[in-house]
Amino acid sequence: MTLPDDFVWGVATSAFQIEGSADTDGRGPSIWDWFARQKGAIAGGHTADTACDHYHRFEQDIALLKQLGVGAYRLSISWPRVMPEGTGAVNAAGLGFYDRLIDAVLAAGITPWVTLYHWDYPLALHHRGGWLNPESPVWFERYTRAVVDRLGDRVAHWFTLNEPQIFIEHGYGAGTHAPGLKLPIADQLLMGHHALIAHGLAVKCIRERSQVNPTIGWGPAGRVKCPQTNAPEDLEAARNDMFATEADSLWSNTWFGDPVVLGHYPEDALRAYGKDAPTFSARELETICQPLDFYGVTIYSADIVHADADGQAVVCDREPGFPQTSFNWPIEPDCLYWGPRLLHERYQLPIVISENGMAAFDAPTLDGEIVDSHRIDYTRRHLQALSRAVDDGTPISAYFHWSLLDNFEWAEGYRQRFGLVYVDFKTLKRTPKASAKWYQRVIDTNGASLWDGLPQPSAVAAIV
């Protein structure tokens, strides 16, 4: 099984999780800056004021990217660093930082893939109603215009929104993410609708103002269901369940994906949400449904399902001691087979894996190495599944490993480590883990080494 020669190997980060310098050079506060200061909101009382100090150490981090041999780097722009009030005046120093960052990435021979929104909503706009305000799509369009006008002569690859299901449901429904609100489902759905209009306006803005031919997609969270067997009834049950909508949840592929790609909200979701569904016009749907070049998706895990006697999906019980990450997410490598396959089947767009990776409690050994064989095994199994999907005809064009660095993991603070590179949060020293060296070989061989043996026993003995 081989991947195409033009397959894109990359890693991903987000601005708020790594940059630090929260009030440096005119940056305004985001909802996450405020949320992190609320008692009990973040594990350990941590903040991202310093994070990985990428703002001052980006050249060092780009050197790590070059050492890895990645062809692409998915990064995000901090909206309040560019526009401290969220709209209005543009912060020259903030855009200047991204100017230097993009130039350095390109100088290293790496293609930047820029995400416009990765959750750091300007606090000033939150005080004006945030995503509930019908003006919020226009605010996002103005911000997009400022970024594209400055970077659109060099940046060709764009993501609009990252995981709208998560930043709305967790931030405005469950209250576990910024800004920590617990709003009714009707309000969450309205916010989602406004976010989708913002996505559409951003796509139009990029296409109109980019100085190079752009490649545009977005990065929703994927809710993946894998069939327990190859039986047609199990596959149909998995497909139906993966594209179903629950009345009290935004954790849906189709509620967000269908209007973006197909131009309409799914009928079963409108029935499920009933009176809570937002009102919308044909013109708004036209704005949301802009031509995309790829369908990005975050995939970390999946449910395994089988069909009952009526053909309905039933989630399979897991065996005692089933493998899971330190986030308690089940490890189901076939998520990178069935997720891309079924999403492409529905939306007929090339698939980009915008995030995939493993949280773990990594620590240096006595000799200072970080031998994360668990992450190597996780990634190897998932990439083997991805390779099988490509071999079976699913057009997957890029894979972005999450993440380059251990970073501020939202409500988890610094206790969950996703990085290929270990960060000592006292000294901020970077140390590539064993997984970084392994991933470098995967890239060098364009995935052929996925089928080689695992590291020798002596290389993993230190963590047994």
Protein backbone atom coordinates (compact mmCIF):
# COMPACT_ATOMS: atom_id res chain seq x y z
CA MET A 1 0.00 0.00 0.00
CA THR A 2 1.53 3.27 -1.13
CA LEU A 3 0.48 6.88 -0.78
CA PRO A 4 0.53 9.23 -3.78
CA ASP A 5 3.75 11.09 -4.44
CA ASP A 6 2.05 14.43 -3.78
CA PHE A 7 0.66 13.38 -0.39
CA VAL A 8 1.13 16.20 2.14
CA TRP A 9 2.74 15.35 5.48
CA GLY A 10 2.38 18.00 8.13
CA VAL A 11 2.00 18.97 11.76
CA ALA A 12 -0.42 21.42 13.35
CA THR A 13 -0.55 23.96 16.17
CA SER A 14 -2.86 26.78 17.22
CA ALA A 15 -1.94 30.32 18.17
CA PHE A 16 -3.46 30.47 21.65
CA GLN A 17 -1.99 27.13 22.69
CA ILE A 18 1.64 27.95 21.88
CA GLU A 19 2.26 31.66 21.35
CA GLY A 20 2.09 33.13 24.84
CA SER A 21 2.81 36.90 24.97
CA ALA A 22 -0.81 37.45 25.88
CA ASP A 23 -0.51 41.22 26.26
CA THR A 24 2.56 41.88 24.13
CA ASP A 25 2.74 44.33 21.21
CA GLY A 26 -0.86 45.42 21.45
CA ARG A 27 -2.61 42.06 21.46
CA GLY A 28 -6.12 42.24 22.92
CA PRO A 29 -7.59 39.68 25.32
CA SER A 30 -9.54 36.67 24.06
CA ILE A 31 -12.32 34.75 25.76
CA TRP A 32 -9.72 32.13 26.70
CA ASP A 33 -7.51 34.69 28.46
CA TRP A 34 -10.52 35.69 30.56
CA PHE A 35 -11.76 32.13 31.11
CA ALA A 36 -8.36 30.91 32.30
CA ARG A 37 -8.57 33.39 35.17
CA GLN A 38 -11.84 32.01 36.49
CA LYS A 39 -11.38 29.85 39.57
CA GLY A 40 -11.50 26.16 38.73
CA ALA A 41 -11.86 26.67 34.98
CA ILE A 42 -8.45 25.25 34.00
CA ALA A 43 -6.71 22.25 35.55
CA GLY A 44 -3.99 23.40 37.91
CA GLY A 45 -5.07 27.02 37.56
CA HIS A 46 -2.87 27.28 34.46
CA THR A 47 -3.00 30.09 31.91
CA ALA A 48 -1.56 30.47 28.42
CA ASP A 49 0.16 33.76 29.23
CA THR A 50 3.50 32.17 28.35
CA ALA A 51 2.45 28.79 26.88
CA CYS A 52 5.41 27.65 24.72
CA ASP A 53 6.61 31.23 24.14
CA HIS A 54 6.36 30.59 20.41
CA TYR A 55 5.94 34.33 19.88
CA HIS A 56 9.60 34.79 20.76
CA ARG A 57 10.90 31.32 19.80
CA PHE A 58 9.19 30.73 16.45
CA GLU A 59 12.51 30.51 14.59
CA GLN A 60 13.57 27.67 16.88
CA ASP A 61 10.25 25.93 16.30
CA ILE A 62 10.50 26.30 12.53
CA ALA A 63 13.94 24.71 12.74
CA LEU A 64 12.24 21.75 14.42
CA LEU A 65 9.72 21.63 11.57
CA LYS A 66 12.54 21.58 9.04
CA GLN A 67 14.29 18.84 10.99
CA LEU A 68 11.11 16.75 10.87
CA GLY A 69 10.99 17.15 7.12
CA VAL A 70 7.31 18.12 6.99
CA GLY A 71 6.00 19.56 3.76
CA ALA A 72 3.30 21.64 5.45
CA TYR A 73 2.64 23.42 8.72
CA ARG A 74 -0.90 24.13 9.85
CA LEU A 75 -0.87 27.22 12.08
CA SER A 76 -3.57 29.61 13.21
CA ILE A 77 -3.83 33.38 13.43
CA SER A 78 -4.83 35.02 16.69
CA TRP A 79 -7.81 37.25 15.91
CA PRO A 80 -7.23 39.55 18.94
CA ARG A 81 -3.54 39.87 18.06
CA VAL A 82 -4.53 41.19 14.64
CA MET A 83 -7.55 43.20 15.84
CA PRO A 84 -7.40 43.86 19.59
CA GLU A 85 -11.06 44.94 19.70
CA GLY A 86 -12.13 42.23 17.26
CA THR A 87 -13.04 44.78 14.61
CA GLY A 88 -11.93 48.24 13.66
CA ALA A 89 -8.26 49.15 13.96
CA VAL A 90 -5.69 46.61 12.81
CA ASN A 91 -2.67 46.04 15.06
CA ALA A 92 0.39 46.49 12.86
CA ALA A 93 2.67 44.72 15.32
CA GLY A 94 0.38 41.70 15.45
CA LEU A 95 0.21 41.34 11.68
CA GLY A 96 3.94 41.97 11.57
CA PHE A 97 4.53 38.89 13.70
CA TYR A 98 2.60 36.71 11.24
CA ASP A 99 4.48 38.35 8.36
CA ARG A 100 7.76 37.20 9.87
CA LEU A 101 6.36 33.78 10.78
CA ILE A 102 5.06 33.06 7.26
CA ASP A 103 8.31 34.26 5.71
CA ALA A 104 10.32 31.99 7.99
CA VAL A 105 8.10 28.97 7.24
CA LEU A 106 8.48 29.53 3.51
CA ALA A 107 12.23 30.06 3.84
CA ALA A 108 12.44 26.63 5.46
CA GLY A 109 10.83 25.10 2.36
CA ILE A 110 7.54 24.41 4.17
CA THR A 111 4.05 25.32 2.95
CA PRO A 112 1.93 27.24 5.47
CA TRP A 113 -1.71 26.16 5.87
CA VAL A 114 -3.39 28.97 7.81
CA THR A 115 -6.43 28.56 10.07
CA LEU A 116 -8.31 31.81 10.56
CA TYR A 117 -10.21 30.83 13.70
CA HIS A 118 -9.00 28.35 16.30
CA TRP A 119 -11.17 29.38 19.25
CA ASP A 120 -9.49 32.58 20.54
CA TYR A 121 -12.50 34.85 20.09
CA PRO A 122 -11.86 38.53 20.94
CA LEU A 123 -13.19 39.34 24.40
CA ALA A 124 -14.40 42.73 23.22
CA LEU A 125 -16.72 41.09 20.71
CA HIS A 126 -17.91 38.58 23.29
CA HIS A 127 -19.13 41.54 25.33
CA ARG A 128 -21.12 42.60 22.27
CA GLY A 129 -22.90 39.25 22.05
CA GLY A 130 -20.25 37.18 20.31
CA TRP A 131 -21.53 34.54 17.92
CA LEU A 132 -25.10 35.31 19.02
CA ASN A 133 -24.86 38.76 17.48
CA PRO A 134 -26.14 38.75 13.87
CA GLU A 135 -23.25 41.10 13.04
CA SER A 136 -20.68 38.45 14.04
CA PRO A 137 -20.25 37.08 10.49
CA VAL A 138 -19.39 40.58 9.26
CA TRP A 139 -16.86 41.00 12.07
CA PHE A 140 -15.20 37.77 10.98
CA GLU A 141 -15.19 38.85 7.33
CA ARG A 142 -13.42 42.12 8.22
CA TYR A 143 -10.81 40.24 10.20
CA THR A 144 -10.35 37.80 7.31
CA ARG A 145 -9.90 40.69 4.90
CA ALA A 146 -7.12 42.18 7.04
CA VAL A 147 -5.28 38.85 7.20
CA VAL A 148 -5.67 37.99 3.50
CA ASP A 149 -4.67 41.47 2.37
CA ARG A 150 -1.44 41.10 4.34
CA LEU A 151 -0.59 37.42 3.86
CA GLY A 152 -2.50 36.47 0.72
CA ASP A 153 0.51 37.12 -1.52
CA ARG A 154 2.31 34.15 0.10
CA VAL A 155 -0.31 31.97 1.78
CA ALA A 156 -2.28 29.76 -0.61
CA HIS A 157 -3.83 27.21 1.77
CA TRP A 158 -6.58 28.24 4.19
CA PHE A 159 -8.87 26.76 6.82
CA THR A 160 -11.74 28.99 7.92
CA LEU A 161 -13.14 27.60 11.21
CA ASN A 162 -11.74 24.92 13.46
CA GLU A 163 -14.26 22.50 15.05
CA PRO A 164 -17.40 24.62 15.36
CA GLN A 165 -19.17 21.71 17.07
CA ILE A 166 -16.63 21.87 19.89
CA PHE A 167 -16.14 25.58 20.43
CA ILE A 168 -19.90 26.12 20.54
CA GLU A 169 -21.10 23.07 22.48
CA HIS A 170 -18.25 23.04 25.01
CA GLY A 171 -17.98 26.81 25.33
CA TYR A 172 -21.62 27.82 25.24
CA GLY A 173 -23.49 24.62 26.14
CA ALA A 174 -21.52 22.54 28.62
CA GLY A 175 -19.56 25.54 29.91
CA THR A 176 -16.31 23.58 30.12
CA HIS A 177 -14.51 25.73 27.55
CA ALA A 178 -14.35 29.49 27.12
CA PRO A 179 -16.37 31.52 27.75
CA GLY A 180 -17.93 28.99 30.15
CA LEU A 181 -21.60 29.60 29.39
CA LYS A 182 -24.50 27.15 29.59
CA LEU A 183 -26.96 28.43 27.03
CA PRO A 184 -30.04 26.60 25.76
CA ILE A 185 -29.71 24.52 22.59
CA ALA A 186 -31.61 27.12 20.55
CA ASP A 187 -28.95 29.73 21.31
CA GLN A 188 -26.17 27.28 20.46
CA LEU A 189 -27.79 26.48 17.13
CA LEU A 190 -28.14 30.17 16.31
CA MET A 191 -24.47 30.70 17.13
CA GLY A 192 -23.58 27.80 14.87
CA HIS A 193 -25.64 29.31 12.06
CA HIS A 194 -23.83 32.63 12.42
CA ALA A 195 -20.48 30.84 12.47
CA LEU A 196 -21.37 29.08 9.21
CA ILE A 197 -22.31 32.40 7.60
CA ALA A 198 -18.93 33.70 8.80
CA HIS A 199 -17.27 30.71 7.14
CA GLY A 200 -19.01 31.45 3.84
CA LEU A 201 -18.12 35.13 3.92
CA ALA A 202 -14.50 34.23 4.70
CA VAL A 203 -14.31 31.84 1.74
CA LYS A 204 -15.67 34.55 -0.58
CA CYS A 205 -13.23 37.07 0.86
CA ILE A 206 -10.22 34.79 0.35
CA ARG A 207 -11.18 34.03 -3.25
CA GLU A 208 -11.76 37.71 -4.04
CA ARG A 209 -8.68 39.16 -2.34
CA SER A 210 -5.97 36.48 -2.43
CA GLN A 211 -3.04 37.38 -4.65
CA VAL A 212 -2.26 33.72 -5.35
CA ASN A 213 -4.64 30.97 -6.41
CA PRO A 214 -6.06 29.79 -3.06
CA THR A 215 -6.88 26.30 -1.80
CA ILE A 216 -9.66 26.61 0.78
CA GLY A 217 -11.37 24.25 3.21
CA TRP A 218 -12.48 24.12 6.79
CA GLY A 219 -11.82 21.92 9.83
CA PRO A 220 -14.90 20.52 11.60
CA ALA A 221 -14.70 17.82 14.26
CA GLY A 222 -15.51 14.36 12.94
CA ARG A 223 -18.01 12.12 14.70
CA VAL A 224 -16.92 8.72 13.39
CA LYS A 225 -18.71 5.38 13.51
CA CYS A 226 -16.95 2.21 12.37
CA PRO A 227 -18.86 -0.98 11.46
CA GLN A 228 -18.06 -3.96 13.66
CA THR A 229 -17.93 -6.29 10.64
CA ASN A 230 -17.90 -6.01 6.86
CA ALA A 231 -21.53 -7.13 6.73
CA PRO A 232 -23.65 -4.71 4.65
CA GLU A 233 -26.09 -4.21 7.51
CA ASP A 234 -23.30 -3.15 9.89
CA LEU A 235 -21.90 -0.72 7.33
CA GLU A 236 -25.32 0.80 6.70
CA ALA A 237 -25.93 1.13 10.44
CA ALA A 238 -22.55 2.86 10.90
CA ARG A 239 -23.24 5.21 7.99
CA ASN A 240 -26.70 6.14 9.26
CA ASP A 241 -25.46 6.69 12.81
CA MET A 242 -22.46 8.75 11.70
CA PHE A 243 -24.75 11.15 9.85
CA ALA A 244 -27.56 11.27 12.42
CA THR A 245 -28.38 14.25 14.65
CA GLU A 246 -29.30 14.18 18.34
CA ALA A 247 -31.89 16.73 19.46
CA ASP A 248 -29.92 17.92 22.49
CA SER A 249 -26.41 17.97 21.01
CA LEU A 250 -24.37 19.82 18.39
CA TRP A 251 -22.04 16.83 18.01
CA SER A 252 -23.13 16.33 14.41
CA ASN A 253 -21.40 15.94 11.06
CA THR A 254 -24.36 16.84 8.90
CA TRP A 255 -25.79 19.85 10.76
CA PHE A 256 -22.56 21.66 9.93
CA GLY A 257 -21.33 19.80 6.87
CA ASP A 258 -24.52 19.69 4.80
CA PRO A 259 -25.13 23.46 4.59
CA VAL A 260 -21.44 24.12 3.93
CA VAL A 261 -21.15 21.59 1.09
CA LEU A 262 -24.68 20.70 -0.02
CA GLY A 263 -26.39 24.05 0.56
CA HIS A 264 -29.11 22.96 2.99
CA TYR A 265 -29.61 21.84 6.55
CA PRO A 266 -30.45 18.11 6.82
CA GLU A 267 -34.17 17.36 7.10
CA ASP A 268 -33.74 14.82 9.92
CA ALA A 269 -31.82 17.42 11.95
CA LEU A 270 -34.48 20.07 11.39
CA ARG A 271 -37.05 17.57 12.68
CA ALA A 272 -34.85 16.61 15.62
CA TYR A 273 -34.20 20.22 16.68
CA GLY A 274 -37.76 21.33 15.93
CA LYS A 275 -38.58 24.79 17.27
CA ASP A 276 -35.00 25.18 18.54
CA ALA A 277 -33.61 25.29 14.98
CA PRO A 278 -32.70 28.80 13.83
CA THR A 279 -34.64 30.58 11.13
CA PHE A 280 -32.64 31.16 7.97
CA SER A 281 -33.05 32.51 4.48
CA ALA A 282 -32.16 31.10 1.07
CA ARG A 283 -29.63 33.92 0.74
CA GLU A 284 -27.90 32.89 3.98
CA LEU A 285 -27.66 29.30 2.74
CA GLU A 286 -26.16 30.56 -0.51
CA THR A 287 -23.57 32.47 1.50
CA ILE A 288 -22.72 29.44 3.63
CA CYS A 289 -22.39 27.09 0.65
CA GLN A 290 -19.23 28.31 -1.09
CA PRO A 291 -17.12 26.06 -3.33
CA LEU A 292 -14.42 24.31 -1.29
CA ASP A 293 -11.23 22.60 -2.41
CA PHE A 294 -11.03 20.13 0.46
CA TYR A 295 -12.99 18.88 3.45
CA GLY A 296 -10.81 19.09 6.55
CA VAL A 297 -11.71 16.98 9.55
CA THR A 298 -10.38 16.35 13.05
CA ILE A 299 -10.44 12.66 13.92
CA TYR A 300 -9.04 11.08 17.07
CA SER A 301 -11.32 8.14 17.84
CA ALA A 302 -14.59 6.39 16.95
CA ASP A 303 -17.41 4.21 18.18
CA ILE A 304 -17.69 0.66 16.87
CA VAL A 305 -21.28 -0.20 16.00
CA HIS A 306 -23.31 -3.14 14.75
CA ALA A 307 -26.83 -3.41 13.41
CA ASP A 308 -29.57 -4.80 15.63
CA ALA A 309 -32.49 -6.85 14.31
CA ASP A 310 -34.16 -3.65 13.05
CA GLY A 311 -31.02 -2.39 11.34
CA GLN A 312 -30.41 0.29 13.97
CA ALA A 313 -26.89 1.06 15.12
CA VAL A 314 -25.87 -0.29 18.52
CA VAL A 315 -22.57 0.85 20.02
CA CYS A 316 -20.45 -2.18 20.89
CA ASP A 317 -19.25 -2.62 24.44
CA ARG A 318 -15.52 -2.37 24.93
CA GLU A 319 -13.49 -5.12 26.51
CA PRO A 320 -12.11 -4.54 30.02
CA GLY A 321 -8.78 -2.75 29.83
CA PHE A 322 -9.37 -1.48 26.28
CA PRO A 323 -6.60 0.81 24.98
CA GLN A 324 -7.10 4.50 25.51
CA THR A 325 -5.13 7.72 25.63
CA SER A 326 -4.43 9.75 28.76
CA PHE A 327 -7.49 11.79 27.76
CA ASN A 328 -9.49 8.57 28.20
CA TRP A 329 -10.28 8.54 24.49
CA PRO A 330 -10.60 5.00 23.10
CA ILE A 331 -7.93 4.06 20.58
CA GLU A 332 -9.73 2.95 17.41
CA PRO A 333 -7.31 3.16 14.45
CA ASP A 334 -10.02 2.37 11.90
CA CYS A 335 -11.41 5.86 12.55
CA LEU A 336 -8.94 7.03 9.88
CA TYR A 337 -10.34 4.48 7.46
CA TRP A 338 -14.09 4.86 7.91
CA GLY A 339 -14.21 8.55 8.83
CA PRO A 340 -12.59 9.83 5.61
CA ARG A 341 -14.30 7.17 3.49
CA LEU A 342 -17.83 7.99 4.64
CA LEU A 343 -17.28 11.76 4.64
CA HIS A 344 -15.98 11.65 1.07
CA GLU A 345 -18.88 9.41 0.09
CA ARG A 346 -21.30 12.08 1.31
CA TYR A 347 -19.51 15.30 0.32
CA GLN A 348 -17.40 14.28 -2.70
CA LEU A 349 -14.43 16.44 -1.69
CA PRO A 350 -10.79 15.49 -1.12
CA ILE A 351 -10.24 14.83 2.59
CA VAL A 352 -7.58 16.53 4.70
CA ILE A 353 -6.93 15.17 8.19
CA SER A 354 -6.61 18.47 10.00
CA GLU A 355 -5.81 16.86 13.38
CA ASN A 356 -4.95 13.38 14.61
CA GLY A 357 -2.69 12.44 17.48
CA MET A 358 -2.44 11.10 21.00
CA ALA A 359 -2.44 12.65 24.45
CA ALA A 360 -0.08 10.96 26.90
CA PHE A 361 1.68 11.56 30.20
CA ASP A 362 5.15 11.81 28.66
CA ALA A 363 8.23 12.34 30.82
CA PRO A 364 12.00 12.24 30.28
CA THR A 365 13.91 9.14 31.24
CA LEU A 366 16.98 9.39 33.48
CA ASP A 367 19.14 10.02 30.42
CA GLY A 368 16.86 12.83 29.25
CA GLU A 369 15.14 11.07 26.38
CA ILE A 370 11.38 10.91 25.83
CA VAL A 371 10.65 7.41 24.55
CA ASP A 372 6.97 7.62 23.64
CA SER A 373 6.53 4.25 21.97
CA HIS A 374 2.80 4.46 22.75
CA ARG A 375 2.47 7.49 20.44
CA ILE A 376 4.49 5.76 17.74
CA ASP A 377 2.21 2.74 17.91
CA TYR A 378 -0.94 4.90 17.93
CA THR A 379 0.16 6.94 14.94
CA ARG A 380 1.45 3.95 13.02
CA ARG A 381 -1.85 2.08 13.39
CA HIS A 382 -3.88 5.14 12.40
CA LEU A 383 -1.71 5.91 9.38
CA GLN A 384 -1.92 2.30 8.26
CA ALA A 385 -5.71 2.65 8.33
CA LEU A 386 -5.46 5.92 6.41
CA SER A 387 -3.22 4.25 3.84
CA ARG A 388 -5.77 1.45 3.38
CA ALA A 389 -8.48 4.06 2.83
CA VAL A 390 -6.39 5.72 0.11
CA ASP A 391 -5.66 2.33 -1.42
CA ASP A 392 -9.40 1.64 -1.51
CA GLY A 393 -10.10 4.87 -3.36
CA THR A 394 -10.68 7.56 -0.72
CA PRO A 395 -8.93 10.77 -1.87
CA ILE A 396 -7.05 11.83 1.26
CA SER A 397 -4.60 14.54 0.26
CA ALA A 398 -2.97 15.59 3.54
CA TYR A 399 -2.37 14.52 7.14
CA PHE A 400 -1.56 16.96 9.95
CA HIS A 401 -0.31 15.39 13.15
CA TRP A 402 -1.43 17.10 16.34
CA SER A 403 0.78 18.53 17.57
CA LEU A 404 4.28 19.81 16.95
CA LEU A 405 4.74 20.86 20.59
CA ASP A 406 3.35 19.94 23.96
CA ASN A 407 1.16 22.96 24.66
CA PHE A 408 -1.66 24.55 26.62
CA GLU A 409 -4.41 21.96 26.18
CA TRP A 410 -7.41 24.20 26.84
CA ALA A 411 -9.30 23.22 30.03
CA GLU A 412 -6.66 20.56 30.73
CA GLY A 413 -3.93 23.15 31.11
CA TYR A 414 -0.51 21.56 30.67
CA ARG A 415 -1.22 18.06 31.96
CA GLN A 416 -2.07 16.52 28.57
CA ARG A 417 0.85 16.23 26.17
CA PHE A 418 0.16 15.78 22.44
CA GLY A 419 3.48 16.96 21.05
CA LEU A 420 6.08 15.26 18.92
CA VAL A 421 8.40 17.63 20.77
CA TYR A 422 8.57 17.66 24.56
CA VAL A 423 8.36 21.10 26.20
CA ASP A 424 9.68 21.65 29.71
CA PHE A 425 7.23 24.31 30.85
CA LYS A 426 9.66 25.65 33.48
CA THR A 427 12.61 26.21 31.12
CA LEU A 428 10.71 26.03 27.80
CA LYS A 429 13.44 23.74 26.47
CA ARG A 430 12.31 21.70 23.46
CA THR A 431 13.31 18.03 23.15
CA PRO A 432 12.18 15.93 20.19
CA LYS A 433 10.57 12.70 21.35
CA ALA A 434 11.15 9.27 19.86
CA SER A 435 7.92 9.79 17.92
CA ALA A 436 9.42 12.84 16.18
CA LYS A 437 12.31 10.79 14.88
CA TRP A 438 9.90 8.02 13.84
CA TYR A 439 7.59 10.47 12.05
CA GLN A 440 10.57 11.94 10.25
CA ARG A 441 11.25 8.50 8.73
CA VAL A 442 7.58 8.07 7.79
CA ILE A 443 7.78 11.36 5.89
CA ASP A 444 11.14 10.48 4.31
CA THR A 445 9.67 7.23 2.97
CA ASN A 446 6.25 8.73 2.08
CA GLY A 447 4.65 6.23 4.42
CA ALA A 448 6.46 3.11 3.25
CA SER A 449 8.09 2.69 6.67
CA LEU A 450 4.64 2.29 8.25
CA TRP A 451 4.94 -1.36 7.31
CA ASP A 452 8.42 -1.80 8.83
CA GLY A 453 8.99 -3.19 12.31
CA LEU A 454 8.50 -1.13 15.45
CA PRO A 455 11.49 0.28 17.38
CA GLN A 456 13.81 -2.33 18.86
CA PRO A 457 12.97 -3.47 22.44
CA SER A 458 16.03 -1.68 23.83
CA ALA A 459 14.61 1.64 22.61
CA VAL A 460 11.44 1.26 24.67
CA ALA A 461 12.78 -0.52 27.71
CA ALA A 462 13.16 2.72 29.66
CA ILE A 463 9.40 3.25 29.98
CA VAL A 464 8.37 -0.30 30.82
